[in-house]
Amino acid sequence: MTETTSPPPHNASCENAEQANCHCHCRGAGHQKNLLIRAARCPDSGEYESLRGSLQEVLGGFHRDARDVSTRTRPARNVPTQAEIPTLALNKKKGATWLETLLVDEALHGAFLKLAAASLRSSAQTRESQEKFVIKATSDAIPIVESKVTLKSVTEAHVWCSIVSEFLSQFSGDEADSPAPEIFSSICYPRKSRGGRPSSLKDVRDLGLQHIAGTFRTTRDLPEATKIDYMRLVGAATCPDLWRHASAVRYCLSPFVSDESWPPRGTTKLAVPSNFNELESRWKKRGHW
């Protein structure tokens, strides 16, 4: 890879979520930023419905069940044919991949709508504070983690979600010993034995963690629970593909699913605790959880 004098311009398709995977120089920090901001500042039902439409375009819809192939699916996914779906095994190979990807996409979709609905009920001042918080956690992080070379591997775009996952692990309530730092950046799908890791993470990890901690500390006009929720949404939404990142699912996405108020009304029937427990077990068997 050839060095350039400065990072290339920020990739608008990354920021606007027009692509599933992200090879942008922002290493994920700006991925789906516009959707995050729209959720944080959602002021009325018209904007909420507009966001719903955008989320469906990007992440797909909410399927009736695991064998529903007629509902829109995230464009990057490998959708089974109508002929093969009745006998497709959902615990191995293509069937397992199909179900696993539906789970993470629908959970992220639901989490966006949950926080957008909360924004509707909030004051204008709170929405403004939420938007500023999201910008600090995305746009303001880009100069910290950005690359001065063109990213050749999507694994390198998992830098920011790895850092956010590590920060959020302190709020997980786990009684076990803290995971080794390497676990946060293990990039592999649930049934894969060996994962890759973003090699550039070591150069920016400490500054990234300091940036998030500072964002929490200096944002005094939002409750801690709200800041945690938005940072979880940032970690999940900036991940290029949650299906390949166990720690982003564990520390950013799963807390939404395990909350007693989940799922938001009219959303997912699939991304529920029992199915997420199976996701966890598949990653855990291979030492990635």
C-alpha atoms as a PDB file:
ATOM      1  CA  MET A   1       0.000   0.000   0.000  1.00  0.00           C
ATOM      2  CA  THR A   2       1.302   3.432  -0.967  1.00  0.00           C
ATOM      3  CA  GLU A   3       1.424   6.308   1.494  1.00  0.00           C
ATOM      4  CA  THR A   4      -0.364   9.518   0.557  1.00  0.00           C
ATOM      5  CA  THR A   5       0.320  12.976   1.906  1.00  0.00           C
ATOM      6  CA  SER A   6      -3.108  13.153   3.539  1.00  0.00           C
ATOM      7  CA  PRO A   7      -6.118  10.904   3.994  1.00  0.00           C
ATOM      8  CA  PRO A   8      -8.465  10.680   1.009  1.00  0.00           C
ATOM      9  CA  PRO A   9     -11.757  12.584   1.256  1.00  0.00           C
ATOM     10  CA  HIS A  10     -14.272  10.943   3.558  1.00  0.00           C
ATOM     11  CA  ASN A  11     -16.300   8.384   1.637  1.00  0.00           C
ATOM     12  CA  ALA A  12     -19.861   9.708   1.433  1.00  0.00           C
ATOM     13  CA  SER A  13     -21.303   6.270   0.738  1.00  0.00           C
ATOM     14  CA  CYS A  14     -19.827   5.144   4.062  1.00  0.00           C
ATOM     15  CA  GLU A  15     -21.377   8.045   5.953  1.00  0.00           C
ATOM     16  CA  ASN A  16     -24.731   7.694   4.215  1.00  0.00           C
ATOM     17  CA  ALA A  17     -24.792   3.890   4.640  1.00  0.00           C
ATOM     18  CA  GLU A  18     -25.084   3.216   0.924  1.00  0.00           C
ATOM     19  CA  GLN A  19     -22.744   0.245   1.149  1.00  0.00           C
ATOM     20  CA  ALA A  20     -22.741  -2.733   3.484  1.00  0.00           C
ATOM     21  CA  ASN A  21     -18.994  -3.057   3.973  1.00  0.00           C
ATOM     22  CA  CYS A  22     -16.729  -0.115   4.642  1.00  0.00           C
ATOM     23  CA  HIS A  23     -13.204   0.302   3.257  1.00  0.00           C
ATOM     24  CA  CYS A  24     -13.179   4.022   4.020  1.00  0.00           C
ATOM     25  CA  HIS A  25     -10.136   5.654   5.598  1.00  0.00           C
ATOM     26  CA  CYS A  26     -12.248   6.501   8.668  1.00  0.00           C
ATOM     27  CA  ARG A  27     -11.830   2.867   9.837  1.00  0.00           C
ATOM     28  CA  GLY A  28     -15.521   2.717  10.623  1.00  0.00           C
ATOM     29  CA  ALA A  29     -15.827   5.874  12.740  1.00  0.00           C
ATOM     30  CA  GLY A  30     -18.049   7.600  10.174  1.00  0.00           C
ATOM     31  CA  HIS A  31     -19.943   4.529   8.987  1.00  0.00           C
ATOM     32  CA  GLN A  32     -23.729   5.151   9.017  1.00  0.00           C
ATOM     33  CA  LYS A  33     -23.158   8.454  10.834  1.00  0.00           C
ATOM     34  CA  ASN A  34     -26.093  10.142   9.162  1.00  0.00           C
ATOM     35  CA  LEU A  35     -28.522   7.470  10.355  1.00  0.00           C
ATOM     36  CA  LEU A  36     -27.166   7.858  13.891  1.00  0.00           C
ATOM     37  CA  ILE A  37     -27.668  11.618  13.842  1.00  0.00           C
ATOM     38  CA  ARG A  38     -31.191  11.276  12.463  1.00  0.00           C
ATOM     39  CA  ALA A  39     -32.110   8.905  15.299  1.00  0.00           C
ATOM     40  CA  ALA A  40     -30.573  11.161  17.941  1.00  0.00           C
ATOM     41  CA  ARG A  41     -32.410  14.300  16.824  1.00  0.00           C
ATOM     42  CA  CYS A  42     -35.663  12.765  15.509  1.00  0.00           C
ATOM     43  CA  PRO A  43     -38.240  15.520  16.244  1.00  0.00           C
ATOM     44  CA  ASP A  44     -41.560  14.341  14.823  1.00  0.00           C
ATOM     45  CA  SER A  45     -43.482  11.488  13.218  1.00  0.00           C
ATOM     46  CA  GLY A  46     -42.593  12.614   9.701  1.00  0.00           C
ATOM     47  CA  GLU A  47     -38.853  12.363  10.374  1.00  0.00           C
ATOM     48  CA  TYR A  48     -39.404   9.069  12.196  1.00  0.00           C
ATOM     49  CA  GLU A  49     -41.165   7.562   9.176  1.00  0.00           C
ATOM     50  CA  SER A  50     -38.429   8.878   6.881  1.00  0.00           C
ATOM     51  CA  LEU A  51     -35.807   7.205   9.075  1.00  0.00           C
ATOM     52  CA  ARG A  52     -37.810   3.965   9.052  1.00  0.00           C
ATOM     53  CA  GLY A  53     -37.735   3.995   5.262  1.00  0.00           C
ATOM     54  CA  SER A  54     -33.981   4.597   5.153  1.00  0.00           C
ATOM     55  CA  LEU A  55     -33.323   1.822   7.669  1.00  0.00           C
ATOM     56  CA  GLN A  56     -35.357  -0.618   5.617  1.00  0.00           C
ATOM     57  CA  GLU A  57     -33.350   0.265   2.518  1.00  0.00           C
ATOM     58  CA  VAL A  58     -30.060  -0.255   4.340  1.00  0.00           C
ATOM     59  CA  LEU A  59     -30.775  -3.096   6.775  1.00  0.00           C
ATOM     60  CA  GLY A  60     -33.832  -4.804   5.322  1.00  0.00           C
ATOM     61  CA  GLY A  61     -37.235  -5.292   6.880  1.00  0.00           C
ATOM     62  CA  PHE A  62     -38.559  -7.367   9.765  1.00  0.00           C
ATOM     63  CA  HIS A  63     -39.177 -10.925   8.612  1.00  0.00           C
ATOM     64  CA  ARG A  64     -42.253 -12.883   9.696  1.00  0.00           C
ATOM     65  CA  ASP A  65     -40.074 -15.848  10.628  1.00  0.00           C
ATOM     66  CA  ALA A  66     -36.737 -17.419   9.694  1.00  0.00           C
ATOM     67  CA  ARG A  67     -38.177 -18.890   6.482  1.00  0.00           C
ATOM     68  CA  ASP A  68     -39.611 -15.638   5.156  1.00  0.00           C
ATOM     69  CA  VAL A  69     -37.605 -14.790   2.038  1.00  0.00           C
ATOM     70  CA  SER A  70     -40.142 -12.359   0.560  1.00  0.00           C
ATOM     71  CA  THR A  71     -39.441  -9.523   3.031  1.00  0.00           C
ATOM     72  CA  ARG A  72     -36.652  -7.182   1.986  1.00  0.00           C
ATOM     73  CA  THR A  73     -33.229  -8.291   3.245  1.00  0.00           C
ATOM     74  CA  ARG A  74     -30.041  -6.263   3.604  1.00  0.00           C
ATOM     75  CA  PRO A  75     -28.626  -6.099   0.051  1.00  0.00           C
ATOM     76  CA  ALA A  76     -25.269  -7.697   0.926  1.00  0.00           C
ATOM     77  CA  ARG A  77     -26.856 -10.893   2.282  1.00  0.00           C
ATOM     78  CA  ASN A  78     -27.098 -14.264   0.537  1.00  0.00           C
ATOM     79  CA  VAL A  79     -30.850 -14.860   0.469  1.00  0.00           C
ATOM     80  CA  PRO A  80     -32.037 -18.476   0.040  1.00  0.00           C
ATOM     81  CA  THR A  81     -34.326 -19.191  -2.878  1.00  0.00           C
ATOM     82  CA  GLN A  82     -38.005 -19.891  -2.365  1.00  0.00           C
ATOM     83  CA  ALA A  83     -37.378 -23.469  -3.475  1.00  0.00           C
ATOM     84  CA  GLU A  84     -34.631 -24.238  -0.963  1.00  0.00           C
ATOM     85  CA  ILE A  85     -35.945 -22.424   2.102  1.00  0.00           C
ATOM     86  CA  PRO A  86     -38.512 -25.075   3.255  1.00  0.00           C
ATOM     87  CA  THR A  87     -35.834 -27.728   3.839  1.00  0.00           C
ATOM     88  CA  LEU A  88     -32.882 -25.469   4.640  1.00  0.00           C
ATOM     89  CA  ALA A  89     -31.196 -26.381   7.939  1.00  0.00           C
ATOM     90  CA  LEU A  90     -30.871 -23.227  10.038  1.00  0.00           C
ATOM     91  CA  ASN A  91     -28.036 -24.504  12.232  1.00  0.00           C
ATOM     92  CA  LYS A  92     -25.335 -25.099   9.640  1.00  0.00           C
ATOM     93  CA  LYS A  93     -23.796 -23.690   6.482  1.00  0.00           C
ATOM     94  CA  LYS A  94     -25.998 -21.426   4.363  1.00  0.00           C
ATOM     95  CA  GLY A  95     -29.039 -21.768   6.621  1.00  0.00           C
ATOM     96  CA  ALA A  96     -27.073 -20.808   9.723  1.00  0.00           C
ATOM     97  CA  THR A  97     -25.560 -17.818   7.947  1.00  0.00           C
ATOM     98  CA  TRP A  98     -29.001 -16.740   6.767  1.00  0.00           C
ATOM     99  CA  LEU A  99     -30.474 -16.786  10.280  1.00  0.00           C
ATOM    100  CA  GLU A 100     -27.419 -15.255  11.972  1.00  0.00           C
ATOM    101  CA  THR A 101     -27.327 -12.309   9.594  1.00  0.00           C
ATOM    102  CA  LEU A 102     -31.066 -11.722   9.971  1.00  0.00           C
ATOM    103  CA  LEU A 103     -30.631 -11.591  13.744  1.00  0.00           C
ATOM    104  CA  VAL A 104     -27.957  -8.897  13.793  1.00  0.00           C
ATOM    105  CA  ASP A 105     -29.538  -6.814  11.029  1.00  0.00           C
ATOM    106  CA  GLU A 106     -32.994  -6.848  12.621  1.00  0.00           C
ATOM    107  CA  ALA A 107     -31.597  -6.141  16.090  1.00  0.00           C
ATOM    108  CA  LEU A 108     -29.690  -3.105  14.813  1.00  0.00           C
ATOM    109  CA  HIS A 109     -32.777  -1.944  12.917  1.00  0.00           C
ATOM    110  CA  GLY A 110     -34.865  -2.267  16.083  1.00  0.00           C
ATOM    111  CA  ALA A 111     -32.279  -0.479  18.235  1.00  0.00           C
ATOM    112  CA  PHE A 112     -32.292   2.490  15.844  1.00  0.00           C
ATOM    113  CA  LEU A 113     -36.079   2.704  16.035  1.00  0.00           C
ATOM    114  CA  LYS A 114     -36.102   2.359  19.824  1.00  0.00           C
ATOM    115  CA  LEU A 115     -33.811   5.361  20.305  1.00  0.00           C
ATOM    116  CA  ALA A 116     -35.523   7.369  17.558  1.00  0.00           C
ATOM    117  CA  ALA A 117     -38.874   6.819  19.292  1.00  0.00           C
ATOM    118  CA  ALA A 118     -37.331   7.986  22.571  1.00  0.00           C
ATOM    119  CA  SER A 119     -36.093  11.118  20.774  1.00  0.00           C
ATOM    120  CA  LEU A 120     -39.675  11.875  19.743  1.00  0.00           C
ATOM    121  CA  ARG A 121     -40.644  12.005  23.407  1.00  0.00           C
ATOM    122  CA  SER A 122     -37.671  14.171  24.382  1.00  0.00           C
ATOM    123  CA  SER A 123     -37.253  17.924  24.566  1.00  0.00           C
ATOM    124  CA  ALA A 124     -35.552  19.900  21.818  1.00  0.00           C
ATOM    125  CA  GLN A 125     -32.651  20.551  24.189  1.00  0.00           C
ATOM    126  CA  THR A 126     -32.191  16.833  24.858  1.00  0.00           C
ATOM    127  CA  ARG A 127     -32.262  16.032  21.136  1.00  0.00           C
ATOM    128  CA  GLU A 128     -29.619  18.679  20.521  1.00  0.00           C
ATOM    129  CA  SER A 129     -27.421  17.183  23.246  1.00  0.00           C
ATOM    130  CA  GLN A 130     -27.874  13.690  21.821  1.00  0.00           C
ATOM    131  CA  GLU A 131     -26.872  14.886  18.364  1.00  0.00           C
ATOM    132  CA  LYS A 132     -23.731  16.566  19.725  1.00  0.00           C
ATOM    133  CA  PHE A 133     -22.856  13.391  21.627  1.00  0.00           C
ATOM    134  CA  VAL A 134     -23.190  11.278  18.475  1.00  0.00           C
ATOM    135  CA  ILE A 135     -21.051  13.696  16.464  1.00  0.00           C
ATOM    136  CA  LYS A 136     -18.320  13.525  19.122  1.00  0.00           C
ATOM    137  CA  ALA A 137     -18.477   9.726  18.990  1.00  0.00           C
ATOM    138  CA  THR A 138     -18.275   9.577  15.187  1.00  0.00           C
ATOM    139  CA  SER A 139     -17.038  12.601  13.236  1.00  0.00           C
ATOM    140  CA  ASP A 140     -14.733  13.784  16.010  1.00  0.00           C
ATOM    141  CA  ALA A 141     -13.215  10.297  16.240  1.00  0.00           C
ATOM    142  CA  ILE A 142     -12.213  10.162  12.582  1.00  0.00           C
ATOM    143  CA  PRO A 143      -9.021  12.257  13.002  1.00  0.00           C
ATOM    144  CA  ILE A 144      -7.963   9.899  15.807  1.00  0.00           C
ATOM    145  CA  VAL A 145      -8.346   6.604  13.960  1.00  0.00           C
ATOM    146  CA  GLU A 146      -8.211   7.546  10.273  1.00  0.00           C
ATOM    147  CA  SER A 147      -5.775   5.910   7.893  1.00  0.00           C
ATOM    148  CA  LYS A 148      -3.359   7.681   5.575  1.00  0.00           C
ATOM    149  CA  VAL A 149      -3.486   4.769   3.175  1.00  0.00           C
ATOM    150  CA  THR A 150      -6.274   3.198   1.181  1.00  0.00           C
ATOM    151  CA  LEU A 151      -7.758   0.314   3.151  1.00  0.00           C
ATOM    152  CA  LYS A 152      -7.506  -2.948   1.255  1.00  0.00           C
ATOM    153  CA  SER A 153      -9.220  -5.143   3.835  1.00  0.00           C
ATOM    154  CA  VAL A 154     -12.601  -4.577   5.460  1.00  0.00           C
ATOM    155  CA  THR A 155     -11.068  -5.991   8.656  1.00  0.00           C
ATOM    156  CA  GLU A 156      -9.249  -2.661   9.102  1.00  0.00           C
ATOM    157  CA  ALA A 157     -12.629  -0.908   9.131  1.00  0.00           C
ATOM    158  CA  HIS A 158     -13.441  -2.661  12.419  1.00  0.00           C
ATOM    159  CA  VAL A 159     -11.049  -0.408  14.359  1.00  0.00           C
ATOM    160  CA  TRP A 160     -13.607   2.003  15.779  1.00  0.00           C
ATOM    161  CA  CYS A 161     -16.228  -0.582  16.744  1.00  0.00           C
ATOM    162  CA  SER A 162     -13.463  -2.594  18.463  1.00  0.00           C
ATOM    163  CA  ILE A 163     -12.529   0.438  20.556  1.00  0.00           C
ATOM    164  CA  VAL A 164     -16.155   1.268  21.384  1.00  0.00           C
ATOM    165  CA  SER A 165     -16.808  -2.360  22.368  1.00  0.00           C
ATOM    166  CA  GLU A 166     -13.843  -2.366  24.711  1.00  0.00           C
ATOM    167  CA  PHE A 167     -14.985   0.846  26.385  1.00  0.00           C
ATOM    168  CA  LEU A 168     -18.532  -0.432  26.831  1.00  0.00           C
ATOM    169  CA  SER A 169     -17.420  -3.724  28.346  1.00  0.00           C
ATOM    170  CA  GLN A 170     -17.119  -1.931  31.706  1.00  0.00           C
ATOM    171  CA  PHE A 171     -20.923  -1.507  31.722  1.00  0.00           C
ATOM    172  CA  SER A 172     -21.725  -5.122  30.875  1.00  0.00           C
ATOM    173  CA  GLY A 173     -22.197  -6.290  34.453  1.00  0.00           C
ATOM    174  CA  ASP A 174     -20.109  -9.401  33.807  1.00  0.00           C
ATOM    175  CA  GLU A 175     -18.705 -10.823  37.022  1.00  0.00           C
ATOM    176  CA  ALA A 176     -15.999 -12.789  35.260  1.00  0.00           C
ATOM    177  CA  ASP A 177     -12.475 -11.462  34.786  1.00  0.00           C
ATOM    178  CA  SER A 178     -12.091  -8.751  32.163  1.00  0.00           C
ATOM    179  CA  PRO A 179     -11.500 -10.173  28.682  1.00  0.00           C
ATOM    180  CA  ALA A 180      -8.065  -9.874  27.120  1.00  0.00           C
ATOM    181  CA  PRO A 181      -7.866  -6.818  24.816  1.00  0.00           C
ATOM    182  CA  GLU A 182      -7.502  -9.109  21.787  1.00  0.00           C
ATOM    183  CA  ILE A 183     -11.044 -10.426  22.177  1.00  0.00           C
ATOM    184  CA  PHE A 184     -12.541  -7.044  21.287  1.00  0.00           C
ATOM    185  CA  SER A 185     -11.003  -7.070  17.822  1.00  0.00           C
ATOM    186  CA  SER A 186     -11.514 -10.700  16.820  1.00  0.00           C
ATOM    187  CA  ILE A 187     -13.252 -10.500  13.442  1.00  0.00           C
ATOM    188  CA  CYS A 188     -15.006 -13.714  12.398  1.00  0.00           C
ATOM    189  CA  TYR A 189     -18.501 -15.052  11.890  1.00  0.00           C
ATOM    190  CA  PRO A 190     -20.068 -17.189  14.666  1.00  0.00           C
ATOM    191  CA  ARG A 191     -19.020 -20.629  13.394  1.00  0.00           C
ATOM    192  CA  LYS A 192     -15.524 -19.698  12.237  1.00  0.00           C
ATOM    193  CA  SER A 193     -12.598 -21.011  14.286  1.00  0.00           C
ATOM    194  CA  ARG A 194      -9.999 -18.353  13.544  1.00  0.00           C
ATOM    195  CA  GLY A 195     -10.584 -14.646  13.090  1.00  0.00           C
ATOM    196  CA  GLY A 196      -8.596 -11.762  11.702  1.00  0.00           C
ATOM    197  CA  ARG A 197      -7.732  -8.585  13.590  1.00  0.00           C
ATOM    198  CA  PRO A 198      -7.230  -5.002  12.376  1.00  0.00           C
ATOM    199  CA  SER A 199      -3.473  -4.582  12.483  1.00  0.00           C
ATOM    200  CA  SER A 200      -3.717  -0.801  12.852  1.00  0.00           C
ATOM    201  CA  LEU A 201      -5.743  -0.972  16.080  1.00  0.00           C
ATOM    202  CA  LYS A 202      -2.664  -1.023  18.307  1.00  0.00           C
ATOM    203  CA  ASP A 203      -1.601   2.407  17.018  1.00  0.00           C
ATOM    204  CA  VAL A 204      -4.855   4.194  17.866  1.00  0.00           C
ATOM    205  CA  ARG A 205      -6.476   2.129  20.639  1.00  0.00           C
ATOM    206  CA  ASP A 206      -5.309   4.218  23.607  1.00  0.00           C
ATOM    207  CA  LEU A 207      -6.233   7.546  22.031  1.00  0.00           C
ATOM    208  CA  GLY A 208      -9.587   6.151  20.948  1.00  0.00           C
ATOM    209  CA  LEU A 209     -10.436   4.950  24.443  1.00  0.00           C
ATOM    210  CA  GLN A 210      -9.386   8.317  25.866  1.00  0.00           C
ATOM    211  CA  HIS A 211     -11.618  10.085  23.351  1.00  0.00           C
ATOM    212  CA  ILE A 212     -14.691   8.066  24.340  1.00  0.00           C
ATOM    213  CA  ALA A 213     -14.003   8.512  28.045  1.00  0.00           C
ATOM    214  CA  GLY A 214     -13.631  12.253  27.498  1.00  0.00           C
ATOM    215  CA  THR A 215     -16.872  12.359  25.516  1.00  0.00           C
ATOM    216  CA  PHE A 216     -18.681  10.707  28.426  1.00  0.00           C
ATOM    217  CA  ARG A 217     -17.043  12.974  30.998  1.00  0.00           C
ATOM    218  CA  THR A 218     -17.711  16.260  29.221  1.00  0.00           C
ATOM    219  CA  THR A 219     -21.306  15.471  28.222  1.00  0.00           C
ATOM    220  CA  ARG A 220     -22.971  16.476  31.468  1.00  0.00           C
ATOM    221  CA  ASP A 221     -26.481  17.275  30.245  1.00  0.00           C
ATOM    222  CA  LEU A 222     -27.452  13.677  29.408  1.00  0.00           C
ATOM    223  CA  PRO A 223     -28.067  10.869  31.914  1.00  0.00           C
ATOM    224  CA  GLU A 224     -25.427   8.145  31.941  1.00  0.00           C
ATOM    225  CA  ALA A 225     -27.989   5.568  30.743  1.00  0.00           C
ATOM    226  CA  THR A 226     -28.730   7.682  27.672  1.00  0.00           C
ATOM    227  CA  LYS A 227     -25.036   8.106  26.903  1.00  0.00           C
ATOM    228  CA  ILE A 228     -24.499   4.355  27.218  1.00  0.00           C
ATOM    229  CA  ASP A 229     -27.440   3.624  24.895  1.00  0.00           C
ATOM    230  CA  TYR A 230     -26.159   6.004  22.242  1.00  0.00           C
ATOM    231  CA  MET A 231     -22.609   4.736  22.509  1.00  0.00           C
ATOM    232  CA  ARG A 232     -23.953   1.203  22.097  1.00  0.00           C
ATOM    233  CA  LEU A 233     -25.838   2.285  19.001  1.00  0.00           C
ATOM    234  CA  VAL A 234     -22.679   3.991  17.695  1.00  0.00           C
ATOM    235  CA  GLY A 235     -20.640   0.826  18.260  1.00  0.00           C
ATOM    236  CA  ALA A 236     -23.201  -1.359  16.504  1.00  0.00           C
ATOM    237  CA  ALA A 237     -23.949   1.009  13.615  1.00  0.00           C
ATOM    238  CA  THR A 238     -20.326   1.874  12.816  1.00  0.00           C
ATOM    239  CA  CYS A 239     -19.431  -1.827  12.637  1.00  0.00           C
ATOM    240  CA  PRO A 240     -19.031  -2.784   8.947  1.00  0.00           C
ATOM    241  CA  ASP A 241     -20.747  -6.117   9.596  1.00  0.00           C
ATOM    242  CA  LEU A 242     -21.922  -7.211  13.043  1.00  0.00           C
ATOM    243  CA  TRP A 243     -22.137 -10.805  11.825  1.00  0.00           C
ATOM    244  CA  ARG A 244     -18.344 -10.846  11.797  1.00  0.00           C
ATOM    245  CA  HIS A 245     -17.706  -9.081  15.101  1.00  0.00           C
ATOM    246  CA  ALA A 246     -18.614 -10.908  18.297  1.00  0.00           C
ATOM    247  CA  SER A 247     -17.584  -8.181  20.756  1.00  0.00           C
ATOM    248  CA  ALA A 248     -19.639  -5.539  18.924  1.00  0.00           C
ATOM    249  CA  VAL A 249     -22.642  -7.832  19.208  1.00  0.00           C
ATOM    250  CA  ARG A 250     -21.890  -8.671  22.846  1.00  0.00           C
ATOM    251  CA  TYR A 251     -21.271  -5.178  24.203  1.00  0.00           C
ATOM    252  CA  CYS A 252     -23.151  -2.941  21.766  1.00  0.00           C
ATOM    253  CA  LEU A 253     -26.111  -4.879  20.358  1.00  0.00           C
ATOM    254  CA  SER A 254     -27.045  -7.612  22.846  1.00  0.00           C
ATOM    255  CA  PRO A 255     -27.816  -5.161  25.692  1.00  0.00           C
ATOM    256  CA  PHE A 256     -30.696  -3.786  23.618  1.00  0.00           C
ATOM    257  CA  VAL A 257     -32.058  -7.282  23.006  1.00  0.00           C
ATOM    258  CA  SER A 258     -31.779  -8.333  26.658  1.00  0.00           C
ATOM    259  CA  ASP A 259     -33.580  -5.241  27.959  1.00  0.00           C
ATOM    260  CA  GLU A 260     -37.012  -6.014  29.416  1.00  0.00           C
ATOM    261  CA  SER A 261     -38.671  -3.519  27.045  1.00  0.00           C
ATOM    262  CA  TRP A 262     -37.378  -5.331  23.935  1.00  0.00           C
ATOM    263  CA  PRO A 263     -38.466  -5.623  21.165  1.00  0.00           C
ATOM    264  CA  PRO A 264     -39.891  -2.247  20.177  1.00  0.00           C
ATOM    265  CA  ARG A 265     -43.499  -2.549  19.087  1.00  0.00           C
ATOM    266  CA  GLY A 266     -43.957  -3.562  15.469  1.00  0.00           C
ATOM    267  CA  THR A 267     -40.359  -4.624  14.923  1.00  0.00           C
ATOM    268  CA  THR A 268     -38.478  -7.903  15.125  1.00  0.00           C
ATOM    269  CA  LYS A 269     -39.841 -11.336  15.946  1.00  0.00           C
ATOM    270  CA  LEU A 270     -36.473 -13.000  15.353  1.00  0.00           C
ATOM    271  CA  ALA A 271     -33.899 -10.897  17.205  1.00  0.00           C
ATOM    272  CA  VAL A 272     -35.004 -12.027  20.663  1.00  0.00           C
ATOM    273  CA  PRO A 273     -32.999 -13.291  23.660  1.00  0.00           C
ATOM    274  CA  SER A 274     -33.359 -17.008  22.907  1.00  0.00           C
ATOM    275  CA  ASN A 275     -31.905 -16.618  19.419  1.00  0.00           C
ATOM    276  CA  PHE A 276     -29.176 -14.286  20.655  1.00  0.00           C
ATOM    277  CA  ASN A 277     -28.227 -16.880  23.246  1.00  0.00           C
ATOM    278  CA  GLU A 278     -27.605 -19.300  20.397  1.00  0.00           C
ATOM    279  CA  LEU A 279     -25.456 -16.711  18.623  1.00  0.00           C
ATOM    280  CA  GLU A 280     -23.457 -16.300  21.812  1.00  0.00           C
ATOM    281  CA  SER A 281     -22.943 -20.033  22.182  1.00  0.00           C
ATOM    282  CA  ARG A 282     -21.637 -20.378  18.637  1.00  0.00           C
ATOM    283  CA  TRP A 283     -19.026 -17.659  19.125  1.00  0.00           C
ATOM    284  CA  LYS A 284     -18.227 -18.858  22.636  1.00  0.00           C
ATOM    285  CA  LYS A 285     -17.477 -22.415  21.465  1.00  0.00           C
ATOM    286  CA  ARG A 286     -14.686 -20.986  19.342  1.00  0.00           C
ATOM    287  CA  GLY A 287     -13.300 -18.650  21.970  1.00  0.00           C
ATOM    288  CA  HIS A 288     -14.424 -15.366  20.414  1.00  0.00           C
ATOM    289  CA  TRP A 289     -16.956 -14.253  23.066  1.00  0.00           C
END
